């Protein structure tokens, strides 16, 4: 993990151009803390999770329908989980 020195550049954000994608810069690691970060060695990064549409984050994130790290090992599973959600919403 590289230090967060600045928000992602326009070029970096352009990599995820789908209008359904949201990018958040979490300089203070607020989401990582919600997901279990206690110190530098437990920072949550390089992690992919798929959540059911409409699930609200309250004191902690809801249970994901799919989660994996590192991201490279979770691409197929995340794709399958998203496909299942999209197909369920079409019916």
C-alpha atoms as a PDB file:
ATOM      1  CA  UNK A   1       0.000   0.000   0.000  1.00  0.00           C
ATOM      2  CA  UNK A   2       1.333   3.391  -0.934  1.00  0.00           C
ATOM      3  CA  UNK A   3       0.871   6.407   1.304  1.00  0.00           C
ATOM      4  CA  UNK A   4      -2.157   8.539   0.459  1.00  0.00           C
ATOM      5  CA  UNK A   5      -0.461  11.791  -0.428  1.00  0.00           C
ATOM      6  CA  UNK A   6      -3.214  13.190  -2.614  1.00  0.00           C
ATOM      7  CA  UNK A   7      -6.623  12.333  -4.033  1.00  0.00           C
ATOM      8  CA  UNK A   8      -6.631  10.152  -7.181  1.00  0.00           C
ATOM      9  CA  UNK A   9      -5.746  12.012 -10.370  1.00  0.00           C
ATOM     10  CA  UNK A  10      -8.160  12.456 -13.258  1.00  0.00           C
ATOM     11  CA  UNK A  11      -6.153   9.875 -15.229  1.00  0.00           C
ATOM     12  CA  UNK A  12      -6.510   7.372 -12.409  1.00  0.00           C
ATOM     13  CA  UNK A  13     -10.245   7.987 -12.077  1.00  0.00           C
ATOM     14  CA  UNK A  14     -10.685   7.589 -15.849  1.00  0.00           C
ATOM     15  CA  UNK A  15      -9.720   3.895 -15.511  1.00  0.00           C
ATOM     16  CA  UNK A  16     -13.183   3.193 -14.057  1.00  0.00           C
ATOM     17  CA  UNK A  17     -15.340   5.095 -16.536  1.00  0.00           C
ATOM     18  CA  UNK A  18     -18.607   3.178 -16.082  1.00  0.00           C
ATOM     19  CA  UNK A  19     -21.248   5.576 -14.725  1.00  0.00           C
ATOM     20  CA  UNK A  20     -22.212   2.997 -12.072  1.00  0.00           C
ATOM     21  CA  UNK A  21     -18.724   3.137 -10.531  1.00  0.00           C
ATOM     22  CA  UNK A  22     -18.001   5.406  -7.592  1.00  0.00           C
ATOM     23  CA  UNK A  23     -14.499   6.266  -6.417  1.00  0.00           C
ATOM     24  CA  UNK A  24     -13.910   7.492  -2.904  1.00  0.00           C
ATOM     25  CA  UNK A  25     -10.625   8.675  -1.503  1.00  0.00           C
ATOM     26  CA  UNK A  26     -10.453   7.684   2.143  1.00  0.00           C
ATOM     27  CA  UNK A  27      -7.440   9.585   3.439  1.00  0.00           C
ATOM     28  CA  UNK A  28      -8.402   8.975   7.079  1.00  0.00           C
ATOM     29  CA  UNK A  29      -9.081   5.244   6.445  1.00  0.00           C
ATOM     30  CA  UNK A  30     -12.619   5.544   7.814  1.00  0.00           C
ATOM     31  CA  UNK A  31     -13.905   2.619   5.746  1.00  0.00           C
ATOM     32  CA  UNK A  32     -10.858   0.523   6.595  1.00  0.00           C
ATOM     33  CA  UNK A  33     -11.504   1.169  10.296  1.00  0.00           C
ATOM     34  CA  UNK A  34     -15.137   0.080   9.863  1.00  0.00           C
ATOM     35  CA  UNK A  35     -13.886  -3.100   8.220  1.00  0.00           C
ATOM     36  CA  UNK A  36     -11.498  -3.990  11.036  1.00  0.00           C
ATOM     37  CA  UNK A  37      -8.354  -1.876  10.731  1.00  0.00           C
ATOM     38  CA  UNK A  38      -6.695  -1.544  14.140  1.00  0.00           C
ATOM     39  CA  UNK A  39      -3.185  -0.484  13.157  1.00  0.00           C
ATOM     40  CA  UNK A  40      -0.905  -0.130  10.107  1.00  0.00           C
ATOM     41  CA  UNK A  41      -0.580  -3.908   9.719  1.00  0.00           C
ATOM     42  CA  UNK A  42      -4.357  -4.444   9.501  1.00  0.00           C
ATOM     43  CA  UNK A  43      -5.236  -1.756   6.934  1.00  0.00           C
ATOM     44  CA  UNK A  44      -7.928  -3.088   4.587  1.00  0.00           C
ATOM     45  CA  UNK A  45      -6.766  -2.616   0.999  1.00  0.00           C
ATOM     46  CA  UNK A  46      -6.642  -4.553  -2.270  1.00  0.00           C
ATOM     47  CA  UNK A  47     -10.048  -5.975  -1.359  1.00  0.00           C
ATOM     48  CA  UNK A  48     -13.154  -6.444  -3.467  1.00  0.00           C
ATOM     49  CA  UNK A  49     -16.638  -6.842  -2.026  1.00  0.00           C
ATOM     50  CA  UNK A  50     -20.088  -6.982  -3.598  1.00  0.00           C
ATOM     51  CA  UNK A  51     -23.065  -5.923  -1.505  1.00  0.00           C
ATOM     52  CA  UNK A  52     -26.755  -6.450  -2.066  1.00  0.00           C
ATOM     53  CA  UNK A  53     -28.386  -3.326  -3.516  1.00  0.00           C
ATOM     54  CA  UNK A  54     -30.116  -1.245  -0.862  1.00  0.00           C
ATOM     55  CA  UNK A  55     -28.027  -2.556   2.043  1.00  0.00           C
ATOM     56  CA  UNK A  56     -27.192   0.277   4.414  1.00  0.00           C
ATOM     57  CA  UNK A  57     -23.929   0.708   6.239  1.00  0.00           C
ATOM     58  CA  UNK A  58     -24.605   1.598   9.856  1.00  0.00           C
ATOM     59  CA  UNK A  59     -22.121   0.870  12.650  1.00  0.00           C
ATOM     60  CA  UNK A  60     -20.338  -1.598  10.370  1.00  0.00           C
ATOM     61  CA  UNK A  61     -20.645  -2.703   6.760  1.00  0.00           C
ATOM     62  CA  UNK A  62     -23.364  -5.245   5.962  1.00  0.00           C
ATOM     63  CA  UNK A  63     -22.357  -8.789   5.123  1.00  0.00           C
ATOM     64  CA  UNK A  64     -21.163  -8.839   1.496  1.00  0.00           C
ATOM     65  CA  UNK A  65     -22.535 -11.453  -0.859  1.00  0.00           C
ATOM     66  CA  UNK A  66     -18.962 -11.834  -2.139  1.00  0.00           C
ATOM     67  CA  UNK A  67     -15.584 -10.710  -0.783  1.00  0.00           C
ATOM     68  CA  UNK A  68     -11.987 -11.573  -1.622  1.00  0.00           C
ATOM     69  CA  UNK A  69      -8.466 -10.254  -1.396  1.00  0.00           C
ATOM     70  CA  UNK A  70      -6.288  -9.576  -3.190  1.00  0.00           C
ATOM     71  CA  UNK A  71      -8.542  -8.163  -5.889  1.00  0.00           C
ATOM     72  CA  UNK A  72      -6.754 -10.065  -8.657  1.00  0.00           C
ATOM     73  CA  UNK A  73      -7.918 -13.349  -7.084  1.00  0.00           C
ATOM     74  CA  UNK A  74     -11.487 -12.124  -6.711  1.00  0.00           C
ATOM     75  CA  UNK A  75     -12.253 -10.766 -10.157  1.00  0.00           C
ATOM     76  CA  UNK A  76     -14.132 -13.832 -11.411  1.00  0.00           C
ATOM     77  CA  UNK A  77     -16.115 -14.220  -8.189  1.00  0.00           C
ATOM     78  CA  UNK A  78     -17.012 -10.533  -8.107  1.00  0.00           C
ATOM     79  CA  UNK A  79     -18.103 -10.696 -11.747  1.00  0.00           C
ATOM     80  CA  UNK A  80     -20.293 -13.727 -11.007  1.00  0.00           C
ATOM     81  CA  UNK A  81     -21.839 -12.071  -7.928  1.00  0.00           C
ATOM     82  CA  UNK A  82     -22.601  -8.895  -9.889  1.00  0.00           C
ATOM     83  CA  UNK A  83     -24.092 -10.911 -12.740  1.00  0.00           C
ATOM     84  CA  UNK A  84     -26.376 -12.751 -10.286  1.00  0.00           C
ATOM     85  CA  UNK A  85     -27.523  -9.450  -8.759  1.00  0.00           C
ATOM     86  CA  UNK A  86     -28.217  -7.935 -12.162  1.00  0.00           C
ATOM     87  CA  UNK A  87     -30.140 -11.006 -13.336  1.00  0.00           C
ATOM     88  CA  UNK A  88     -32.196 -11.020 -10.124  1.00  0.00           C
ATOM     89  CA  UNK A  89     -33.110  -7.348 -10.649  1.00  0.00           C
ATOM     90  CA  UNK A  90     -34.272  -8.016 -14.230  1.00  0.00           C
ATOM     91  CA  UNK A  91     -36.754 -10.713 -13.178  1.00  0.00           C
END
